[in-house]
Amino acid sequence: ELPSPESQAVELPSIADVVALVKPSVVSINT
């Protein structure tokens, strides 16, 4: 039988979660 889409799908990591984790550590530098 044709596999259901749920059994084939692989959840990718959330870019938004990564940005939310790192963004407080990133700074802007002006010279």
Full PDB file with SEQRES, HELIX, SHEET, SSBOND, CRYST1, ORIGX, SCALE, CONECT and MASTER records, all heavy atoms in Angstrom:
SEQRES   1 A   31  GLU LEU PRO SER PRO GLU SER GLN ALA VAL GLU LEU PRO          
SEQRES   2 A   31  SER ILE ALA ASP VAL VAL ALA LEU VAL LYS PRO SER VAL          
SEQRES   3 A   31  VAL SER ILE ASN THR                                          
HELIX    1 AA1 PRO A    5  GLN A    8  1                                   4    
HELIX    2 AA2 ILE A   15  VAL A   22  1                                   8    
HELIX    3 AA3 LYS A   23  SER A   25  5                                   3    
CRYST1    1.000    1.000    1.000  90.00  90.00  90.00 P 1           1          
ORIGX1      1.000000  0.000000  0.000000        0.00000                         
ORIGX2      0.000000  1.000000  0.000000        0.00000                         
ORIGX3      0.000000  0.000000  1.000000        0.00000                         
SCALE1      1.000000  0.000000  0.000000        0.00000                         
SCALE2      0.000000  1.000000  0.000000        0.00000                         
SCALE3      0.000000  0.000000  1.000000        0.00000                         
ATOM      1  N   GLU A   1       0.846  -1.185   0.000  1.00  0.00           N  
ATOM      2  CA  GLU A   1       0.000   0.000   0.000  1.00  0.00           C  
ATOM      3  C   GLU A   1       0.885   1.240   0.000  1.00  0.00           C  
ATOM      4  O   GLU A   1       1.992   1.228   0.540  1.00  0.00           O  
ATOM      5  CB  GLU A   1      -0.917   0.026   1.229  1.00  0.00           C  
ATOM      6  CG  GLU A   1      -1.950  -1.077   1.250  1.00  0.00           C  
ATOM      7  CD  GLU A   1      -2.858  -0.966   2.467  1.00  0.00           C  
ATOM      8  OE1 GLU A   1      -2.625  -0.047   3.280  1.00  0.00           O  
ATOM      9  OE2 GLU A   1      -3.771  -1.787   2.587  1.00  0.00           O  
ATOM     10  N   LEU A   2       0.412   2.318  -0.597  1.00  0.00           N  
ATOM     11  CA  LEU A   2       1.156   3.572  -0.633  1.00  0.00           C  
ATOM     12  C   LEU A   2       1.340   4.094   0.782  1.00  0.00           C  
ATOM     13  O   LEU A   2       0.367   4.235   1.521  1.00  0.00           O  
ATOM     14  CB  LEU A   2       0.408   4.613  -1.465  1.00  0.00           C  
ATOM     15  CG  LEU A   2       1.097   5.970  -1.630  1.00  0.00           C  
ATOM     16  CD1 LEU A   2       2.347   5.825  -2.486  1.00  0.00           C  
ATOM     17  CD2 LEU A   2       0.139   6.987  -2.248  1.00  0.00           C  
ATOM     18  N   PRO A   3       2.604   4.367   1.201  1.00  0.00           N  
ATOM     19  CA  PRO A   3       2.811   4.893   2.568  1.00  0.00           C  
ATOM     20  C   PRO A   3       2.113   6.223   2.748  1.00  0.00           C  
ATOM     21  O   PRO A   3       2.031   7.030   1.823  1.00  0.00           O  
ATOM     22  CB  PRO A   3       4.338   5.045   2.662  1.00  0.00           C  
ATOM     23  CG  PRO A   3       4.886   4.173   1.581  1.00  0.00           C  
ATOM     24  CD  PRO A   3       3.862   4.162   0.487  1.00  0.00           C  
ATOM     25  N   SER A   4       1.627   6.435   3.941  1.00  0.00           N  
ATOM     26  CA  SER A   4       0.968   7.699   4.235  1.00  0.00           C  
ATOM     27  C   SER A   4       2.006   8.810   4.314  1.00  0.00           C  
ATOM     28  O   SER A   4       3.170   8.562   4.640  1.00  0.00           O  
ATOM     29  CB  SER A   4       0.213   7.608   5.566  1.00  0.00           C  
ATOM     30  OG  SER A   4       1.127   7.386   6.631  1.00  0.00           O  
ATOM     31  N   PRO A   5       1.653  10.065   3.993  1.00  0.00           N  
ATOM     32  CA  PRO A   5       2.620  11.184   4.061  1.00  0.00           C  
ATOM     33  C   PRO A   5       3.245  11.330   5.426  1.00  0.00           C  
ATOM     34  O   PRO A   5       4.394  11.723   5.548  1.00  0.00           O  
ATOM     35  CB  PRO A   5       1.762  12.403   3.703  1.00  0.00           C  
ATOM     36  CG  PRO A   5       0.620  11.848   2.914  1.00  0.00           C  
ATOM     37  CD  PRO A   5       0.353  10.486   3.480  1.00  0.00           C  
ATOM     38  N   GLU A   6       2.522  11.004   6.499  1.00  0.00           N  
ATOM     39  CA  GLU A   6       3.060  11.153   7.844  1.00  0.00           C  
ATOM     40  C   GLU A   6       4.273  10.252   8.066  1.00  0.00           C  
ATOM     41  O   GLU A   6       5.222  10.612   8.740  1.00  0.00           O  
ATOM     42  CB  GLU A   6       1.999  10.845   8.888  1.00  0.00           C  
ATOM     43  CG  GLU A   6       0.888  11.864   8.985  1.00  0.00           C  
ATOM     44  CD  GLU A   6      -0.107  11.743   7.854  1.00  0.00           C  
ATOM     45  OE1 GLU A   6      -0.091  10.687   7.186  1.00  0.00           O  
ATOM     46  OE2 GLU A   6      -0.888  12.688   7.626  1.00  0.00           O  
ATOM     47  N   SER A   7       4.280   9.065   7.457  1.00  0.00           N  
ATOM     48  CA  SER A   7       5.385   8.136   7.677  1.00  0.00           C  
ATOM     49  C   SER A   7       6.625   8.532   6.886  1.00  0.00           C  
ATOM     50  O   SER A   7       7.717   8.072   7.173  1.00  0.00           O  
ATOM     51  CB  SER A   7       4.961   6.717   7.285  1.00  0.00           C  
ATOM     52  OG  SER A   7       4.685   6.649   5.896  1.00  0.00           O  
ATOM     53  N   GLN A   8       6.469   9.396   5.848  1.00  0.00           N  
ATOM     54  CA  GLN A   8       7.607   9.817   5.041  1.00  0.00           C  
ATOM     55  C   GLN A   8       8.214  11.131   5.511  1.00  0.00           C  
ATOM     56  O   GLN A   8       9.374  11.401   5.278  1.00  0.00           O  
ATOM     57  CB  GLN A   8       7.170   9.985   3.580  1.00  0.00           C  
ATOM     58  CG  GLN A   8       6.829   8.673   2.888  1.00  0.00           C  
ATOM     59  CD  GLN A   8       6.404   8.923   1.460  1.00  0.00           C  
ATOM     60  OE1 GLN A   8       5.724   9.899   1.182  1.00  0.00           O  
ATOM     61  NE2 GLN A   8       6.801   8.051   0.558  1.00  0.00           N  
ATOM     62  N   ALA A   9       7.413  11.958   6.147  1.00  0.00           N  
ATOM     63  CA  ALA A   9       7.860  13.299   6.496  1.00  0.00           C  
ATOM     64  C   ALA A   9       8.927  13.276   7.582  1.00  0.00           C  
ATOM     65  O   ALA A   9       8.849  12.499   8.532  1.00  0.00           O  
ATOM     66  CB  ALA A   9       6.672  14.142   6.959  1.00  0.00           C  
ATOM     67  N   VAL A  10       9.954  14.128   7.397  1.00  0.00           N  
ATOM     68  CA  VAL A  10      10.995  14.314   8.404  1.00  0.00           C  
ATOM     69  C   VAL A  10      10.948  15.780   8.829  1.00  0.00           C  
ATOM     70  O   VAL A  10      11.106  16.683   8.006  1.00  0.00           O  
ATOM     71  CB  VAL A  10      12.386  13.968   7.851  1.00  0.00           C  
ATOM     72  CG1 VAL A  10      13.448  14.255   8.904  1.00  0.00           C  
ATOM     73  CG2 VAL A  10      12.434  12.512   7.422  1.00  0.00           C  
ATOM     74  N   GLU A  11      10.720  16.025  10.079  1.00  0.00           N  
ATOM     75  CA  GLU A  11      10.578  17.387  10.561  1.00  0.00           C  
ATOM     76  C   GLU A  11      11.929  18.099  10.560  1.00  0.00           C  
ATOM     77  O   GLU A  11      12.890  17.622  11.158  1.00  0.00           O  
ATOM     78  CB  GLU A  11       9.992  17.391  11.967  1.00  0.00           C  
ATOM     79  CG  GLU A  11       9.705  18.791  12.482  1.00  0.00           C  
ATOM     80  CD  GLU A  11       9.047  18.773  13.849  1.00  0.00           C  
ATOM     81  OE1 GLU A  11       8.741  17.672  14.339  1.00  0.00           O  
ATOM     82  OE2 GLU A  11       8.848  19.858  14.417  1.00  0.00           O  
ATOM     83  N   LEU A  12      12.011  19.224   9.855  1.00  0.00           N  
ATOM     84  CA  LEU A  12      13.233  20.020   9.804  1.00  0.00           C  
ATOM     85  C   LEU A  12      13.308  20.933  11.024  1.00  0.00           C  
ATOM     86  O   LEU A  12      12.283  21.344  11.565  1.00  0.00           O  
ATOM     87  CB  LEU A  12      13.263  20.860   8.530  1.00  0.00           C  
ATOM     88  CG  LEU A  12      13.345  20.093   7.212  1.00  0.00           C  
ATOM     89  CD1 LEU A  12      13.268  21.056   6.036  1.00  0.00           C  
ATOM     90  CD2 LEU A  12      14.629  19.283   7.128  1.00  0.00           C  
ATOM     91  N   PRO A  13      14.529  21.257  11.457  1.00  0.00           N  
ATOM     92  CA  PRO A  13      14.658  22.162  12.605  1.00  0.00           C  
ATOM     93  C   PRO A  13      14.120  23.535  12.251  1.00  0.00           C  
ATOM     94  O   PRO A  13      14.153  23.962  11.093  1.00  0.00           O  
ATOM     95  CB  PRO A  13      16.165  22.189  12.866  1.00  0.00           C  
ATOM     96  CG  PRO A  13      16.780  21.795  11.563  1.00  0.00           C  
ATOM     97  CD  PRO A  13      15.832  20.821  10.932  1.00  0.00           C  
ATOM     98  N   SER A  14      13.642  24.233  13.239  1.00  0.00           N  
ATOM     99  CA  SER A  14      13.074  25.559  13.025  1.00  0.00           C  
ATOM    100  C   SER A  14      14.172  26.610  13.001  1.00  0.00           C  
ATOM    101  O   SER A  14      14.912  26.776  13.971  1.00  0.00           O  
ATOM    102  CB  SER A  14      12.062  25.880  14.129  1.00  0.00           C  
ATOM    103  OG  SER A  14      11.676  27.238  14.057  1.00  0.00           O  
ATOM    104  N   ILE A  15      14.293  27.310  11.882  1.00  0.00           N  
ATOM    105  CA  ILE A  15      15.248  28.406  11.778  1.00  0.00           C  
ATOM    106  C   ILE A  15      14.896  29.496  12.790  1.00  0.00           C  
ATOM    107  O   ILE A  15      15.763  30.111  13.410  1.00  0.00           O  
ATOM    108  CB  ILE A  15      15.266  28.986  10.353  1.00  0.00           C  
ATOM    109  CG1 ILE A  15      15.648  27.904   9.327  1.00  0.00           C  
ATOM    110  CG2 ILE A  15      16.214  30.168  10.263  1.00  0.00           C  
ATOM    111  CD1 ILE A  15      17.036  27.375   9.464  1.00  0.00           C  
ATOM    112  N   ALA A  16      13.596  29.723  12.968  1.00  0.00           N  
ATOM    113  CA  ALA A  16      13.151  30.761  13.901  1.00  0.00           C  
ATOM    114  C   ALA A  16      13.609  30.461  15.326  1.00  0.00           C  
ATOM    115  O   ALA A  16      13.998  31.385  16.067  1.00  0.00           O  
ATOM    116  CB  ALA A  16      11.628  30.890  13.854  1.00  0.00           C  
ATOM    117  N   ASP A  17      13.584  29.197  15.720  1.00  0.00           N  
ATOM    118  CA  ASP A  17      14.039  28.830  17.068  1.00  0.00           C  
ATOM    119  C   ASP A  17      15.533  29.095  17.229  1.00  0.00           C  
ATOM    120  O   ASP A  17      15.986  29.554  18.288  1.00  0.00           O  
ATOM    121  CB  ASP A  17      13.733  27.359  17.352  1.00  0.00           C  
ATOM    122  CG  ASP A  17      12.244  27.095  17.520  1.00  0.00           C  
ATOM    123  OD1 ASP A  17      11.489  28.060  17.730  1.00  0.00           O  
ATOM    124  OD2 ASP A  17      11.838  25.914  17.434  1.00  0.00           O  
ATOM    125  N   VAL A  18      16.300  28.793  16.170  1.00  0.00           N  
ATOM    126  CA  VAL A  18      17.746  29.029  16.217  1.00  0.00           C  
ATOM    127  C   VAL A  18      18.037  30.524  16.340  1.00  0.00           C  
ATOM    128  O   VAL A  18      18.854  30.950  17.156  1.00  0.00           O  
ATOM    129  CB  VAL A  18      18.430  28.445  14.961  1.00  0.00           C  
ATOM    130  CG1 VAL A  18      19.915  28.825  14.936  1.00  0.00           C  
ATOM    131  CG2 VAL A  18      18.270  26.941  14.911  1.00  0.00           C  
ATOM    132  N   VAL A  19      17.352  31.333  15.536  1.00  0.00           N  
ATOM    133  CA  VAL A  19      17.564  32.776  15.575  1.00  0.00           C  
ATOM    134  C   VAL A  19      17.181  33.340  16.942  1.00  0.00           C  
ATOM    135  O   VAL A  19      17.895  34.179  17.511  1.00  0.00           O  
ATOM    136  CB  VAL A  19      16.757  33.473  14.461  1.00  0.00           C  
ATOM    137  CG1 VAL A  19      16.852  34.993  14.590  1.00  0.00           C  
ATOM    138  CG2 VAL A  19      17.259  33.025  13.085  1.00  0.00           C  
ATOM    139  N   ALA A  20      16.049  32.860  17.490  1.00  0.00           N  
ATOM    140  CA  ALA A  20      15.602  33.357  18.802  1.00  0.00           C  
ATOM    141  C   ALA A  20      16.623  33.026  19.885  1.00  0.00           C  
ATOM    142  O   ALA A  20      16.805  33.796  20.837  1.00  0.00           O  
ATOM    143  CB  ALA A  20      14.248  32.746  19.145  1.00  0.00           C  
ATOM    144  N   LEU A  21      17.313  31.881  19.737  1.00  0.00           N  
ATOM    145  CA  LEU A  21      18.306  31.468  20.729  1.00  0.00           C  
ATOM    146  C   LEU A  21      19.572  32.315  20.641  1.00  0.00           C  
ATOM    147  O   LEU A  21      20.160  32.689  21.668  1.00  0.00           O  
ATOM    148  CB  LEU A  21      18.646  29.989  20.522  1.00  0.00           C  
ATOM    149  CG  LEU A  21      19.710  29.382  21.441  1.00  0.00           C  
ATOM    150  CD1 LEU A  21      19.246  29.403  22.892  1.00  0.00           C  
ATOM    151  CD2 LEU A  21      20.045  27.958  20.998  1.00  0.00           C  
ATOM    152  N   VAL A  22      20.011  32.640  19.414  1.00  0.00           N  
ATOM    153  CA  VAL A  22      21.312  33.289  19.221  1.00  0.00           C  
ATOM    154  C   VAL A  22      21.218  34.807  19.168  1.00  0.00           C  
ATOM    155  O   VAL A  22      22.141  35.505  19.596  1.00  0.00           O  
ATOM    156  CB  VAL A  22      21.975  32.755  17.924  1.00  0.00           C  
ATOM    157  CG1 VAL A  22      23.337  33.417  17.700  1.00  0.00           C  
ATOM    158  CG2 VAL A  22      22.119  31.249  17.978  1.00  0.00           C  
ATOM    159  N   LYS A  23      20.131  35.337  18.677  1.00  0.00           N  
ATOM    160  CA  LYS A  23      20.006  36.772  18.429  1.00  0.00           C  
ATOM    161  C   LYS A  23      20.348  37.644  19.640  1.00  0.00           C  
ATOM    162  O   LYS A  23      20.986  38.696  19.482  1.00  0.00           O  
ATOM    163  CB  LYS A  23      18.601  37.087  17.923  1.00  0.00           C  
ATOM    164  CG  LYS A  23      18.422  38.504  17.390  1.00  0.00           C  
ATOM    165  CD  LYS A  23      17.079  38.611  16.664  1.00  0.00           C  
ATOM    166  CE  LYS A  23      16.826  40.043  16.186  1.00  0.00           C  
ATOM    167  NZ  LYS A  23      16.401  40.913  17.289  1.00  0.00           N  
ATOM    168  N   PRO A  24      19.985  37.275  20.877  1.00  0.00           N  
ATOM    169  CA  PRO A  24      20.363  38.127  22.021  1.00  0.00           C  
ATOM    170  C   PRO A  24      21.868  38.278  22.218  1.00  0.00           C  
ATOM    171  O   PRO A  24      22.307  39.191  22.919  1.00  0.00           O  
ATOM    172  CB  PRO A  24      19.718  37.411  23.214  1.00  0.00           C  
ATOM    173  CG  PRO A  24      18.590  36.636  22.631  1.00  0.00           C  
ATOM    174  CD  PRO A  24      19.079  36.186  21.288  1.00  0.00           C  
ATOM    175  N   SER A  25      22.662  37.381  21.594  1.00  0.00           N  
ATOM    176  CA  SER A  25      24.118  37.444  21.740  1.00  0.00           C  
ATOM    177  C   SER A  25      24.784  38.232  20.619  1.00  0.00           C  
ATOM    178  O   SER A  25      25.993  38.488  20.678  1.00  0.00           O  
ATOM    179  CB  SER A  25      24.709  36.022  21.762  1.00  0.00           C  
ATOM    180  OG  SER A  25      24.118  35.245  22.763  1.00  0.00           O  
ATOM    181  N   VAL A  26      24.029  38.610  19.598  1.00  0.00           N  
ATOM    182  CA  VAL A  26      24.591  39.287  18.426  1.00  0.00           C  
ATOM    183  C   VAL A  26      24.485  40.794  18.608  1.00  0.00           C  
ATOM    184  O   VAL A  26      23.460  41.302  19.070  1.00  0.00           O  
ATOM    185  CB  VAL A  26      23.876  38.839  17.144  1.00  0.00           C  
ATOM    186  CG1 VAL A  26      24.526  39.488  15.915  1.00  0.00           C  
ATOM    187  CG2 VAL A  26      23.910  37.321  17.009  1.00  0.00           C  
ATOM    188  N   VAL A  27      25.548  41.507  18.234  1.00  0.00           N  
ATOM    189  CA  VAL A  27      25.577  42.964  18.408  1.00  0.00           C  
ATOM    190  C   VAL A  27      25.863  43.654  17.086  1.00  0.00           C  
ATOM    191  O   VAL A  27      26.438  43.061  16.164  1.00  0.00           O  
ATOM    192  CB  VAL A  27      26.641  43.385  19.443  1.00  0.00           C  
ATOM    193  CG1 VAL A  27      26.416  42.683  20.774  1.00  0.00           C  
ATOM    194  CG2 VAL A  27      28.056  43.097  18.920  1.00  0.00           C  
ATOM    195  N   SER A  28      25.428  44.909  17.011  1.00  0.00           N  
ATOM    196  CA  SER A  28      25.786  45.782  15.892  1.00  0.00           C  
ATOM    197  C   SER A  28      26.966  46.651  16.302  1.00  0.00           C  
ATOM    198  O   SER A  28      27.004  47.158  17.425  1.00  0.00           O  
ATOM    199  CB  SER A  28      24.598  46.673  15.505  1.00  0.00           C  
ATOM    200  OG  SER A  28      23.491  45.901  15.115  1.00  0.00           O  
ATOM    201  N   ILE A  29      27.918  46.805  15.403  1.00  0.00           N  
ATOM    202  CA  ILE A  29      29.110  47.606  15.680  1.00  0.00           C  
ATOM    203  C   ILE A  29      29.168  48.750  14.680  1.00  0.00           C  
ATOM    204  O   ILE A  29      29.090  48.537  13.466  1.00  0.00           O  
ATOM    205  CB  ILE A  29      30.388  46.755  15.598  1.00  0.00           C  
ATOM    206  CG1 ILE A  29      30.357  45.662  16.665  1.00  0.00           C  
ATOM    207  CG2 ILE A  29      31.634  47.623  15.747  1.00  0.00           C  
ATOM    208  CD1 ILE A  29      31.530  44.710  16.606  1.00  0.00           C  
ATOM    209  N   ASN A  30      29.301  49.967  15.187  1.00  0.00           N  
ATOM    210  CA  ASN A  30      29.419  51.154  14.338  1.00  0.00           C  
ATOM    211  C   ASN A  30      30.734  51.857  14.649  1.00  0.00           C  
ATOM    212  O   ASN A  30      31.127  51.974  15.825  1.00  0.00           O  
ATOM    213  CB  ASN A  30      28.243  52.100  14.560  1.00  0.00           C  
ATOM    214  CG  ASN A  30      26.934  51.500  14.076  1.00  0.00           C  
ATOM    215  OD1 ASN A  30      26.656  51.473  12.890  1.00  0.00           O  
ATOM    216  ND2 ASN A  30      26.125  51.008  15.006  1.00  0.00           N  
ATOM    217  N   THR A  31      31.403  52.291  13.608  1.00  0.00           N  
ATOM    218  CA  THR A  31      32.728  52.897  13.778  1.00  0.00           C  
ATOM    219  C   THR A  31      32.793  54.245  13.071  1.00  0.00           C  
ATOM    220  O   THR A  31      32.017  54.534  12.159  1.00  0.00           O  
ATOM    221  CB  THR A  31      33.827  51.987  13.195  1.00  0.00           C  
ATOM    222  OG1 THR A  31      33.605  51.823  11.783  1.00  0.00           O  
ATOM    223  CG2 THR A  31      33.813  50.631  13.867  1.00  0.00           C  
TER     224      THR A  31                                                      
MASTER        0    0    0    3    0    0    0    6  223    1    0    3          
END                                                                             
